[in-house]
Protein backbone atom coordinates (compact mmCIF):
# COMPACT_ATOMS: atom_id res chain seq x y z
CA MET A 1 5.78 -13.28 -43.12
CA GLN A 2 5.98 -10.80 -40.32
CA SER A 3 8.30 -8.55 -42.68
CA ILE A 4 5.71 -8.89 -45.55
CA GLN A 5 2.88 -7.94 -43.09
CA SER A 6 4.78 -4.82 -42.09
CA ILE A 7 5.42 -3.78 -45.64
CA ILE A 8 1.65 -4.26 -46.66
CA GLU A 9 0.76 -2.20 -43.50
CA GLU A 10 2.85 0.76 -44.94
CA SER A 11 0.93 0.71 -48.02
CA PRO A 12 -0.16 4.46 -49.01
CA HIS A 13 -3.32 2.93 -50.85
CA LYS A 14 -6.82 2.65 -49.39
CA HIS A 15 -7.58 -0.30 -51.51
CA ASN A 16 -5.21 -3.18 -51.49
CA HIS A 17 -5.34 -6.78 -53.09
CA ILE A 18 -3.20 -9.72 -52.45
CA TYR A 19 -2.33 -12.21 -55.25
CA HIS A 20 -1.19 -15.44 -53.93
CA VAL A 21 1.08 -16.95 -56.43
CA LEU A 22 1.29 -20.69 -56.72
CA ASP A 23 3.42 -22.95 -58.89
CA ALA A 24 1.80 -25.41 -61.13
CA ALA A 25 4.92 -27.68 -61.08
CA ASP A 26 4.49 -28.71 -57.55
CA PHE A 27 0.87 -27.65 -56.94
CA PRO A 28 -0.35 -27.33 -53.97
CA MET A 29 3.10 -27.54 -52.10
CA SER A 30 3.96 -23.81 -52.78
CA LEU A 31 0.79 -22.77 -50.87
CA ILE A 32 1.40 -20.67 -47.76
CA PRO A 33 -1.29 -22.20 -45.39
CA ASN A 34 -1.21 -19.60 -42.76
CA LEU A 35 -1.38 -16.70 -45.09
CA GLN A 36 -4.59 -15.21 -43.74
CA ALA A 37 -3.44 -15.56 -40.15
CA ALA A 38 0.04 -14.17 -40.83
CA LEU A 39 -1.21 -11.20 -42.68
CA GLN A 40 -4.33 -10.71 -40.45
CA LEU A 41 -6.57 -11.06 -43.24
CA PRO A 42 -10.25 -12.13 -43.07
CA HIS A 43 -11.28 -15.63 -43.79
CA LEU A 44 -11.88 -16.76 -47.29
CA ARG A 45 -15.49 -16.30 -48.59
CA THR A 46 -17.48 -19.17 -47.80
CA GLN A 47 -20.36 -20.97 -49.88
CA ASN A 48 -22.96 -19.19 -47.75
CA ARG A 49 -24.81 -16.57 -49.74
CA ARG A 50 -24.84 -14.01 -46.93
CA SER A 51 -21.04 -14.04 -46.62
CA LYS A 52 -19.74 -10.58 -46.81
CA THR A 53 -17.66 -9.58 -49.89
CA VAL A 54 -15.97 -6.52 -48.47
CA LEU A 55 -14.68 -6.12 -44.96
CA TYR A 56 -13.35 -3.00 -43.02
CA ALA A 57 -11.09 -2.66 -40.11
CA ARG A 58 -10.24 0.61 -38.43
CA SER A 59 -12.12 2.56 -41.30
CA ARG A 60 -9.91 0.89 -43.86
CA ARG A 61 -10.77 -1.69 -46.27
CA VAL A 62 -9.22 -5.02 -45.55
CA ALA A 63 -7.02 -6.55 -48.29
CA GLU A 64 -8.73 -9.44 -50.40
CA VAL A 65 -6.86 -12.60 -51.58
CA SER A 66 -6.91 -14.18 -55.05
CA PHE A 67 -5.04 -17.24 -55.99
CA LEU A 68 -2.86 -17.16 -59.32
CA ILE A 69 -1.41 -20.69 -60.44
CA THR A 70 1.33 -19.88 -62.66
CA ARG A 71 3.16 -21.81 -65.38
CA SER A 72 -0.11 -23.74 -66.18
CA ASP A 73 1.39 -24.46 -69.59
CA LEU A 74 3.12 -27.29 -67.95
CA LEU A 75 -0.19 -29.22 -67.16
CA ALA A 76 -1.60 -29.57 -70.69
CA PRO A 77 -0.86 -28.58 -74.42
CA LYS A 78 -3.94 -26.41 -74.89
CA LYS A 79 -5.52 -23.73 -72.84
CA GLU A 80 -9.00 -25.49 -73.23
CA GLN A 81 -7.55 -28.45 -71.66
CA VAL A 82 -6.34 -26.45 -68.65
CA ASP A 83 -9.64 -24.99 -68.31
CA THR A 84 -11.13 -28.25 -67.76
CA LEU A 85 -8.78 -29.04 -64.84
CA MET A 86 -10.31 -25.97 -62.89
CA PRO A 87 -12.68 -28.07 -60.68
CA TYR A 88 -9.67 -30.50 -59.96
CA LEU A 89 -7.36 -27.61 -58.99
CA GLN A 90 -10.02 -26.06 -56.70
CA SER A 91 -10.64 -29.41 -54.89
CA VAL A 92 -6.82 -29.89 -54.36
CA LEU A 93 -6.51 -26.37 -53.15
CA ARG A 94 -9.54 -27.00 -50.78
CA ASP A 95 -7.84 -30.01 -49.46
CA ALA A 96 -4.53 -28.38 -48.76
CA LEU A 97 -6.35 -25.39 -46.95
CA GLY A 98 -7.39 -27.95 -44.42
CA ARG A 99 -10.50 -27.53 -42.27
CA SER A 100 -10.65 -23.74 -42.89
CA GLY A 101 -10.91 -24.32 -46.63
CA ARG A 102 -13.78 -27.15 -46.42
CA ASP A 103 -16.65 -24.66 -47.43
CA VAL A 104 -14.88 -21.87 -49.19
CA ARG A 105 -15.92 -20.80 -52.58
CA LEU A 106 -12.53 -20.46 -54.20
CA GLY A 107 -14.09 -18.45 -57.08
CA ASN A 108 -10.96 -16.31 -56.95
CA VAL A 109 -8.58 -19.03 -58.60
CA ARG A 110 -7.12 -18.44 -61.92
CA CYS A 111 -4.55 -20.50 -64.05
CA VAL A 112 -2.38 -18.24 -65.79
CA SER A 113 0.82 -18.70 -68.13
CA ALA A 114 3.18 -15.78 -68.72
CA LYS A 115 4.93 -17.91 -71.25
CA ARG A 116 1.85 -18.71 -73.37
CA GLY A 117 -0.26 -15.60 -72.37
CA TRP A 118 -3.08 -17.68 -70.92
CA TRP A 119 -5.56 -15.59 -68.93
CA THR A 120 -2.94 -12.84 -68.53
CA LYS A 121 -5.17 -10.28 -70.31
CA GLN A 122 -8.10 -10.96 -67.93
CA VAL A 123 -5.96 -10.64 -64.95
CA LYS A 124 -4.41 -7.37 -66.31
CA GLU A 125 -7.93 -5.92 -66.74
CA GLU A 126 -8.70 -6.77 -63.29
CA ILE A 127 -5.57 -5.12 -61.78
CA TRP A 128 -6.39 -2.01 -63.91
CA GLY A 129 -10.11 -1.95 -62.84
CA ARG A 130 -9.34 -2.38 -59.02
CA GLY A 131 -6.66 0.20 -58.84
CA GLY A 132 -4.83 0.80 -55.61
CA ALA A 133 -1.95 -1.55 -54.69
CA GLY A 134 -1.66 -5.09 -55.88
CA TRP A 135 0.80 -7.28 -53.96
CA MET A 136 2.44 -10.32 -55.44
CA VAL A 137 3.03 -12.67 -52.54
CA GLY A 138 4.29 -16.25 -52.91
CA LYS A 139 7.37 -18.68 -52.19
CA VAL A 140 10.55 -18.28 -53.89
CA ASN A 141 10.82 -19.47 -57.56
CA VAL A 142 7.08 -19.59 -58.30
CA GLY A 143 7.22 -17.17 -61.17
CA LYS A 144 6.27 -13.78 -59.51
CA SER A 145 8.39 -11.70 -61.54
CA ALA A 146 7.57 -13.27 -64.92
CA LEU A 147 3.98 -12.91 -64.00
CA VAL A 148 4.28 -9.31 -63.03
CA GLU A 149 5.85 -8.57 -66.72
CA ALA A 150 2.79 -10.26 -68.14
CA VAL A 151 -0.03 -8.78 -66.18
CA PHE A 152 1.30 -5.25 -65.73
CA PRO A 153 -1.07 -2.66 -67.51
CA LYS A 154 1.71 -0.99 -69.80
CA GLY A 155 0.91 1.96 -71.99
CA ARG A 156 -1.88 3.22 -70.17
CA GLY A 157 -2.49 6.72 -68.42
CA GLU A 158 -4.74 9.64 -68.07
CA GLN A 159 -2.67 11.66 -70.53
CA GLY A 160 -4.22 9.82 -73.47
CA ASP A 161 -2.57 7.66 -76.00
CA VAL A 162 1.07 6.70 -75.05
CA ASN A 163 1.77 4.31 -77.87
CA PRO A 164 5.65 5.50 -78.82
CA ASP A 165 5.09 4.89 -82.55
CA ARG A 166 2.10 7.28 -82.73
CA SER A 167 3.79 9.82 -80.17
CA ARG A 168 6.85 9.96 -82.76
CA GLN A 169 4.41 10.59 -85.68
CA ARG A 170 2.69 13.37 -83.78
CA ALA A 171 6.09 14.81 -82.87
CA GLY A 172 7.11 14.84 -86.44
CA ALA A 173 4.01 16.40 -87.74
CA LYS A 174 4.31 19.18 -85.02
CA ALA A 175 7.99 19.80 -86.12
CA GLU A 176 6.98 20.15 -89.81
CA GLU A 177 4.27 22.72 -88.92
CA GLU A 178 6.75 24.70 -86.71
CA ALA A 179 9.27 24.70 -89.59
CA LEU A 180 6.55 26.13 -92.00
CA VAL A 181 5.63 28.82 -89.57
CA LEU A 182 9.25 29.82 -89.20
CA ASN A 183 9.78 29.95 -92.88
CA THR A 184 6.77 32.42 -93.36
CA MET A 185 8.09 34.78 -90.62
CA GLY A 186 11.06 37.05 -90.24
CA ALA A 187 14.35 36.41 -88.42
CA ASP A 188 13.64 38.40 -85.43
CA SER A 189 9.94 37.23 -84.96
CA ALA A 190 11.12 33.71 -85.45
CA GLY A 191 13.83 33.96 -82.75
CA GLU A 192 11.36 35.66 -80.36
CA LEU A 193 8.88 32.56 -81.06
CA ALA A 194 11.56 30.02 -80.32
CA GLU A 195 12.62 31.57 -77.12
CA SER A 196 9.10 31.84 -75.96
CA ALA A 197 8.52 28.22 -76.93
CA ALA A 198 11.65 27.21 -74.96
CA GLU A 199 10.48 29.12 -71.68
CA ALA A 200 6.98 27.51 -71.90
CA GLU A 201 8.71 24.10 -72.24
CA THR A 202 10.94 24.74 -69.36
CA GLU A 203 8.01 25.94 -67.19
CA SER A 204 5.91 23.02 -68.07
CA THR A 205 8.76 20.57 -67.24
CA LEU A 206 9.39 22.05 -63.83
CA SER A 207 5.62 21.94 -63.03
CA GLN A 208 5.45 18.33 -63.96
CA SER A 209 8.37 17.32 -61.97
CA ALA A 210 7.00 19.23 -58.88
CA GLN A 211 3.73 17.30 -59.12
CA GLN A 212 5.48 14.01 -59.17
CA ASP A 213 6.01 11.84 -55.99
CA ALA A 214 9.11 12.73 -54.10
CA GLY A 215 10.50 9.25 -54.61
CA SER A 216 10.85 9.85 -58.35
CA ILE A 217 13.03 12.95 -57.86
CA THR A 218 16.58 12.56 -58.74
CA PRO A 219 19.54 14.98 -58.70
CA SER A 220 19.77 14.78 -62.53
CA ASP A 221 16.25 16.10 -63.14
CA LEU A 222 17.11 19.73 -61.87
CA ASP A 223 20.09 22.04 -61.93
CA GLY A 224 22.53 23.23 -59.26
CA ALA A 225 22.47 22.87 -55.50
CA THR A 226 18.68 23.30 -55.46
CA ALA A 227 18.19 19.72 -56.90
CA TYR A 228 20.29 18.17 -54.13
CA GLU A 229 18.45 20.10 -51.50
CA GLN A 230 15.03 18.97 -52.59
CA TYR A 231 16.31 15.51 -53.14
CA ASP A 232 17.75 15.37 -49.53
CA GLN A 233 14.33 16.73 -48.26
CA THR A 234 12.19 14.09 -49.51
CA PRO A 235 9.88 12.76 -46.66
CA ASP A 236 8.49 9.62 -48.16
CA PHE A 237 11.56 7.36 -47.92
CA ASP A 238 14.92 7.63 -46.16
CA ILE A 239 17.82 5.30 -47.20
CA ASN A 240 19.29 5.53 -43.78
CA ASN A 241 16.01 4.81 -42.13
CA ASN A 242 15.96 1.11 -41.24
CA ASP A 243 12.39 1.42 -39.89
CA SER A 244 10.76 1.96 -43.39
CA LEU A 245 10.58 -1.40 -45.41
CA LEU A 246 8.57 0.01 -48.40
CA PRO A 247 11.03 1.71 -50.89
CA PRO A 248 9.81 4.59 -53.19
CA ALA A 249 7.91 3.91 -56.15
CA LEU A 250 9.71 4.05 -59.52
CA PRO A 251 8.96 7.11 -61.79
CA GLU A 252 5.87 6.25 -63.66
CA THR A 253 6.50 5.58 -67.37
CA PRO A 254 4.27 3.97 -69.94
CA TYR A 255 6.79 1.02 -70.40
CA PRO A 256 8.87 0.74 -67.12
CA HIS A 257 11.68 -1.75 -66.68
CA MET A 258 10.38 -4.84 -65.31
CA PRO A 259 11.79 -7.02 -62.45
CA LEU A 260 14.65 -9.35 -63.30
CA VAL A 261 13.37 -12.88 -64.08
CA SER A 262 15.77 -15.57 -62.99
CA ALA A 263 15.74 -19.23 -62.10
CA LEU A 264 18.01 -18.61 -59.07
CA PRO A 265 16.01 -18.07 -55.79
CA GLY A 266 16.17 -14.74 -53.96
CA THR A 267 16.66 -12.58 -57.09
CA THR A 268 13.97 -10.14 -55.91
CA SER A 269 15.61 -8.83 -52.63
CA ALA A 270 13.40 -5.81 -52.03
CA PRO A 271 9.88 -4.86 -52.95
CA ILE A 272 9.62 -3.34 -56.59
CA ARG A 273 6.77 -0.83 -56.82
CA LEU A 274 5.56 -0.14 -60.44
CA PRO A 275 2.91 2.50 -60.57
CA PHE A 276 0.37 2.95 -63.55
CA GLY A 277 -2.50 5.06 -64.50
CA SER A 278 -1.17 8.50 -63.36
CA GLY A 279 -1.50 7.57 -59.74
CA LYS A 280 -4.43 5.12 -60.14
CA GLY A 281 -2.65 2.13 -58.57
CA GLU A 282 0.71 0.22 -58.44
CA LEU A 283 1.63 -3.44 -58.86
CA ILE A 284 4.34 -4.33 -56.18
CA ASP A 285 6.49 -7.36 -56.60
CA LEU A 286 7.55 -8.76 -53.17
CA PRO A 287 10.51 -11.05 -52.21
CA GLY A 288 9.68 -14.65 -52.11
CA VAL A 289 8.91 -16.50 -48.85
CA ASP A 290 11.81 -19.05 -48.08
CA ARG A 291 11.14 -22.61 -48.27
CA SER A 292 13.09 -25.83 -48.01
CA ALA A 293 15.13 -26.20 -51.19
CA LEU A 294 16.32 -29.48 -52.83
CA SER A 295 18.97 -27.66 -54.70
CA THR A 296 21.07 -27.72 -51.39
CA HIS A 297 21.62 -31.48 -51.85
CA ILE A 298 22.31 -31.27 -55.64
CA LEU A 299 25.56 -30.82 -57.30
CA PRO A 300 26.09 -27.19 -58.41
CA SER A 301 26.74 -28.32 -61.98
CA ASN A 302 23.10 -29.59 -62.20
CA HIS A 303 21.27 -26.51 -60.72
CA LYS A 304 20.28 -25.22 -64.22
CA GLU A 305 18.65 -28.39 -65.24
CA MET A 306 16.41 -28.44 -61.98
CA ILE A 307 13.92 -26.21 -63.43
CA LEU A 308 10.84 -27.43 -65.33
CA LYS A 309 10.69 -25.12 -68.34
CA SER A 310 8.46 -26.80 -70.77
CA ARG A 311 5.72 -29.34 -70.78
CA ILE A 312 6.72 -32.94 -70.36
CA THR A 313 5.45 -35.87 -72.46
CA PRO A 314 6.06 -38.59 -69.92
CA GLU A 315 7.55 -41.98 -70.46
CA GLN A 316 5.92 -45.00 -68.85
CA PHE A 317 7.95 -47.00 -66.32
CA VAL A 318 6.90 -50.40 -65.00
CA LEU A 319 7.69 -51.32 -61.47
CA ARG A 320 7.41 -54.95 -60.26
CA ALA A 321 7.77 -56.54 -56.86
CA GLY A 322 11.37 -56.01 -55.66
CA GLN A 323 12.07 -52.97 -57.89
CA SER A 324 12.57 -49.21 -57.27
CA LEU A 325 12.43 -46.12 -59.27
CA LEU A 326 15.57 -43.90 -58.93
CA LEU A 327 15.17 -40.17 -59.92
CA GLY A 328 18.59 -38.69 -60.53
CA GLY A 329 20.03 -40.96 -57.96
CA VAL A 330 18.57 -38.59 -55.21
CA ILE A 331 14.91 -39.68 -54.83
CA ARG A 332 13.95 -43.28 -54.68
CA LEU A 333 10.44 -44.66 -54.86
CA THR A 334 9.98 -48.25 -53.66
CA PRO A 335 6.43 -49.74 -54.11
CA SER A 336 5.04 -52.48 -51.73
CA LEU A 337 3.42 -54.93 -54.17
CA GLU A 338 4.28 -58.40 -52.28
CA THR A 339 0.84 -58.36 -50.34
CA LEU A 340 -1.13 -57.65 -53.45
CA GLY A 341 0.22 -60.56 -55.71
CA ARG A 342 3.15 -61.37 -57.84
CA GLU A 343 1.32 -60.35 -61.03
CA VAL A 344 0.64 -56.90 -59.75
CA VAL A 345 2.75 -54.01 -61.18
CA MET A 346 2.79 -50.25 -60.74
CA LEU A 347 3.15 -47.79 -63.53
CA ALA A 348 5.13 -44.43 -63.03
CA TYR A 349 4.84 -41.38 -65.23
CA PRO A 350 7.56 -38.73 -64.01
CA PHE A 351 6.89 -35.16 -64.94
CA LEU A 352 10.30 -33.95 -63.98
CA PRO A 353 13.25 -31.68 -65.35
CA PRO A 354 16.26 -33.32 -67.28
CA ALA A 355 18.36 -33.44 -64.01
CA PHE A 356 16.16 -36.18 -62.41
CA ALA A 357 16.62 -38.82 -65.00
CA PRO A 358 14.37 -41.87 -64.12
CA HIS A 359 15.96 -45.45 -63.77
CA VAL A 360 14.23 -48.51 -62.78
CA THR A 361 16.36 -51.15 -61.02
CA GLY A 362 16.29 -53.66 -58.12
CA THR A 363 15.73 -52.31 -54.72
CA HIS A 364 19.17 -53.50 -53.43
CA LYS A 365 21.03 -51.69 -56.31
CA ALA A 366 18.80 -48.51 -55.93
CA ILE A 367 19.85 -48.29 -52.42
CA ALA A 368 23.44 -48.62 -53.36
CA ILE A 369 23.15 -46.01 -55.88
CA GLN A 370 21.32 -43.46 -53.56
CA ILE A 371 23.59 -43.80 -50.52
CA GLY A 372 26.84 -44.85 -52.19
CA VAL A 373 27.22 -48.03 -50.24
CA HIS A 374 25.63 -51.52 -50.61
CA SER A 375 23.17 -52.37 -47.88
CA SER A 376 22.18 -55.77 -46.31
CA LEU A 377 19.97 -56.48 -49.36
CA SER A 378 23.09 -56.83 -51.47
CA LEU A 379 24.13 -59.87 -49.26
CA ASP A 380 27.84 -60.60 -49.93
CA ARG A 381 28.58 -57.05 -51.02
CA GLN A 382 27.26 -55.43 -47.78
CA GLY A 383 29.46 -52.43 -46.93
CA GLN A 384 31.08 -51.95 -50.14
CA VAL A 385 31.18 -48.75 -52.12
CA TYR A 386 29.07 -48.58 -55.12
CA GLU A 387 31.07 -48.49 -58.36
CA GLY A 388 28.51 -48.72 -60.91
CA ASN A 389 27.76 -46.60 -64.09
CA VAL A 390 24.45 -45.06 -62.99
CA PRO A 391 25.15 -41.41 -62.35
CA SER A 392 23.98 -39.59 -59.21
CA ILE A 393 23.33 -35.78 -59.00
CA ALA A 394 23.47 -35.69 -55.24
CA THR A 395 26.36 -34.35 -52.97
CA PRO A 396 28.23 -36.60 -50.76
CA GLU A 397 26.70 -34.91 -47.79
CA ALA A 398 23.25 -35.72 -49.23
CA LYS A 399 23.93 -39.41 -49.42
CA GLU A 400 24.55 -39.51 -45.69
CA THR A 401 21.24 -37.99 -44.92
CA VAL A 402 18.79 -40.08 -46.80
CA LYS A 403 15.80 -40.86 -44.94
CA SER A 404 12.29 -41.97 -45.54
CA ALA A 405 9.73 -39.27 -46.34
CA GLY A 406 6.89 -41.39 -45.82
CA THR A 407 4.77 -44.23 -47.16
CA PHE A 408 1.75 -42.97 -49.39
CA GLU A 409 -1.26 -44.88 -50.34
CA LEU A 410 -2.61 -45.00 -53.94
CA LYS A 411 -6.24 -44.47 -52.59
CA TRP A 412 -7.91 -42.60 -55.38
CA ASP A 413 -9.98 -44.68 -57.66
CA VAL A 414 -9.52 -43.85 -61.41
CA THR A 415 -11.09 -47.19 -62.88
CA LYS A 416 -13.43 -45.26 -65.10
CA ARG A 417 -10.80 -42.96 -66.51
CA ARG A 418 -8.38 -45.86 -67.07
CA SER A 419 -10.65 -48.69 -68.20
CA GLY A 420 -10.73 -47.33 -71.79
CA PRO A 421 -13.65 -48.72 -74.13
CA LEU A 422 -14.72 -51.16 -71.21
CA THR A 423 -16.95 -48.28 -69.75
CA ASP A 424 -17.41 -46.34 -72.88
CA ARG A 425 -21.02 -45.69 -73.60
CA VAL A 426 -20.61 -46.59 -77.28
CA ALA A 427 -18.39 -49.61 -76.61
CA GLY A 428 -18.36 -51.92 -73.69
CA LYS A 429 -21.06 -50.06 -71.79
CA ARG A 430 -19.90 -51.82 -68.56
CA LYS A 431 -20.19 -50.19 -65.17
CA THR A 432 -17.05 -49.95 -63.12
CA VAL A 433 -18.58 -51.93 -60.12
CA ASP A 434 -18.89 -54.88 -62.53
CA LEU A 435 -15.39 -54.98 -63.45
CA PRO A 436 -13.11 -57.61 -61.88
CA PHE A 437 -10.44 -55.03 -61.13
CA VAL A 438 -9.86 -51.52 -59.62
CA VAL A 439 -7.30 -48.95 -60.69
CA TYR A 440 -5.83 -46.82 -58.02
CA SER A 441 -3.71 -43.82 -58.57
CA ALA A 442 -1.92 -40.87 -56.89
CA ASP A 443 0.49 -37.89 -57.54
CA VAL A 444 3.88 -37.92 -55.70
CA LEU A 445 5.18 -34.22 -55.56
CA LEU A 446 8.66 -33.10 -55.24
CA GLU A 447 8.87 -29.51 -53.95
CA SER A 448 9.86 -26.88 -56.47
CA VAL A 449 10.71 -29.66 -59.08
CA GLY A 450 7.66 -31.71 -60.43
CA TRP A 451 5.59 -34.70 -59.88
CA ILE A 452 5.33 -38.43 -60.54
CA GLU A 453 1.96 -40.05 -61.29
CA LEU A 454 1.64 -43.56 -60.01
CA VAL A 455 -1.09 -46.14 -61.15
CA CYS A 456 -1.73 -49.54 -59.90
CA GLN A 457 -4.38 -52.04 -61.05
CA VAL A 458 -5.61 -54.59 -58.54
CA ARG A 459 -7.98 -57.47 -58.76
CA LYS A 460 -10.93 -57.33 -56.65
CA ARG A 461 -11.10 -59.62 -53.73
CA GLN A 462 -13.21 -62.67 -54.16
CA PRO A 463 -16.13 -63.22 -51.81
CA THR A 464 -15.39 -65.74 -49.17
CA PHE A 465 -17.89 -68.57 -48.62
CA PRO A 466 -18.39 -70.00 -45.17
CA THR A 467 -16.70 -73.23 -44.25
CA ASP A 468 -17.47 -76.23 -42.03
CA GLU A 469 -15.59 -74.67 -39.26
CA ASP A 470 -17.73 -71.48 -39.23
CA GLU A 471 -20.61 -71.16 -36.96
CA ARG A 472 -23.75 -71.47 -39.06
CA ASP A 473 -26.81 -71.58 -36.56
CA ALA A 474 -28.75 -68.60 -36.00
CA LEU A 475 -28.28 -68.38 -32.22
CA SER A 476 -24.43 -68.22 -32.54
CA ILE A 477 -24.92 -65.45 -35.09
CA LEU A 478 -27.06 -63.42 -32.80
CA GLN A 479 -24.69 -63.74 -29.95
CA ARG A 480 -22.06 -61.84 -31.79
CA SER A 481 -21.83 -58.36 -31.00
CA GLY A 482 -21.76 -55.46 -33.43
CA LYS A 483 -18.24 -54.44 -32.52
CA GLU A 484 -16.85 -57.84 -33.59
CA ASP A 485 -18.74 -57.72 -36.91
CA LYS A 486 -17.30 -54.18 -37.67
CA ALA A 487 -13.80 -55.41 -36.71
CA LYS A 488 -14.18 -58.32 -39.09
CA THR A 489 -15.38 -56.13 -42.00
CA ASP A 490 -12.50 -53.75 -41.30
CA GLU A 491 -10.14 -56.76 -41.57
CA GLU A 492 -11.82 -57.72 -44.81
CA GLU A 493 -11.41 -54.41 -46.29
CA PHE A 494 -9.09 -53.89 -49.28
CA VAL A 495 -5.57 -52.88 -48.71
CA PHE A 496 -4.45 -49.93 -50.88
CA PRO A 497 -1.18 -50.21 -52.93
CA THR A 498 1.63 -48.15 -51.09
CA VAL A 499 4.78 -46.54 -52.08
CA GLU A 500 7.68 -45.52 -49.82
CA VAL A 501 9.82 -42.49 -50.78
CA PHE A 502 13.21 -41.84 -49.75
CA SER A 503 14.87 -38.50 -49.99
CA PRO A 504 17.56 -36.33 -48.22
CA ASP A 505 16.59 -35.55 -44.63
CA GLY A 506 13.20 -37.09 -45.46
CA LYS A 507 11.79 -33.82 -46.90
CA PHE A 508 10.69 -32.31 -50.14
CA VAL A 509 7.92 -34.88 -50.63
CA GLY A 510 4.19 -34.51 -50.93
CA VAL A 511 1.10 -36.39 -52.26
CA ARG A 512 -2.18 -35.19 -53.83
CA ARG A 513 -5.14 -36.77 -55.76
CA PRO A 514 -4.25 -37.79 -59.25
CA MET A 515 -4.43 -35.30 -62.09
CA GLY A 516 -4.49 -37.76 -64.86
CA ALA A 517 -1.80 -35.63 -66.75
CA ALA A 518 -0.30 -38.77 -68.32
CA MET A 519 -3.39 -39.43 -70.47
CA LEU A 520 -3.85 -35.76 -70.94
CA ASN A 521 -0.49 -35.24 -72.36
CA GLU A 522 -0.06 -38.54 -74.22
CA LYS A 523 0.84 -38.28 -77.86
CA PRO A 524 -1.99 -38.59 -80.30
CA ASP A 525 -1.97 -41.44 -82.80
CA PRO A 526 -0.42 -40.51 -86.11
CA MET A 527 -2.74 -39.62 -89.03
CA HIS A 528 -1.96 -42.59 -91.01
CA ALA A 529 -2.86 -44.77 -88.13
CA ARG A 530 -6.21 -43.06 -87.90
CA ARG A 531 -7.22 -43.67 -91.49
CA VAL A 532 -8.55 -47.19 -91.59
CA ARG A 533 -9.75 -48.62 -94.79
CA PRO A 534 -13.40 -49.47 -94.32
CA ARG A 535 -14.56 -52.97 -94.74
CA ARG A 536 -15.63 -53.90 -98.05
CA SER A 537 -19.34 -55.17 -98.75
CA ILE A 538 -20.34 -58.75 -99.00
CA GLY A 539 -21.26 -58.45 -102.56
CA MET A 540 -17.77 -57.00 -103.56
CA ARG A 541 -16.14 -59.91 -101.97
CA LYS A 542 -18.27 -62.47 -103.87
CA ARG A 543 -17.61 -60.74 -107.17
CA ASN A 544 -13.80 -60.61 -106.49
CA ALA A 545 -14.03 -64.41 -105.44
CA ALA A 546 -15.91 -65.33 -108.76
């Protein structure tokens, strides 16, 4: 972050805007929580109507921050459905920001998709309208380079229409006019006209190259030793100067070469400056901030299958007491359902790439697959090497470093969303408080990979009635202190369903409130199942019976 701060401080523009790029696959784990403090930026604008929109420091406008959630096509099949998730995404981002983000507005959050073109046009217009420098900041492999290609304002400039097709048409029409003029004139006058046109074109080319930035001058643009002298005397950037972190801007063209898009981390090794609008501004793609990578614990042959490239329609997996969910043999989810009753089950909906194939099995077998050796739960086979058929994509070193990443509670109530027609206004019309059960849910995140939606339905605790052994007289009740009553109520509070996650080094795992993507991405009923024949009238049935 210090290097990124040093790069932004060398900006030649007065107006700077930072686009904090987040990945929708593991949102909000790709958030840089200390971005404002690391880059010495002002706090995000709060909900106070008197909060300032523009701040200045040392007679220079301080850079503002916007959040861009990329690859939003992984969340839902339609753009309108993703738009309905915006309040949810803002609340999750507010939770991830901690105490500093409790009262922020977060009106500067957008869900974009470079693949489907969702909201890229609006972001492109904002970049063009703001001008100045737009900085793409984010962690590695969040889709910054692909987003730059989608939102860069191509084909715009003060020189007018720069469409290549129309430029060719105008050039062809001009050549035809010059040919007609040459045919009507004599040979001597035609030669003089051609020489004067060539001289004028040479002068205009030299003047344009002199007006360009020094960083765009190359030895091939000019002739002779003068070119090398001018190229060596460029004051903006020196290759041998290690103190300069900002490279020169690329030559401004209507359709420049875009940054290379790759699934491998670290593809963008240096800032890439793309100017636009004849000096109006530029878009700068910065290298990604390093983060812990799960790929270091995965076999190299499976690295290409670790990226979630398209939307997933998840399959439902049922976890009972004594069972665990294995993901590619690397990640293990073990629910704690024994205290909730034998009939309680947990549903899992994995939104993961093909490398993390889900597999439900007994906990003792899941441990043997994950670490390669049978544990004490396997009884007589303890210490033996696992020789089963379930594959694992983990490296031998990763199997030795498996630790608990934590125990997470499913503490978010999704009863109304999951109860179906029971609470529907046109069907059951029941209230969730009157139902005899509660549905809890949570999303378990895998860093840079995806997420698993967990759902568990638990029966409400029945009210307890006083027994003969309880004190029923009023004096004994009055003698109790308030602390004792509070402690008793805390004991009687419901215990949330929990799940323990095991991963290499106990890392790469997080949790967030549930998105409900399983119901959002479920396959619709086929058309023949929707067309139900209406019930026949009583008169028709009587006539058929007669």
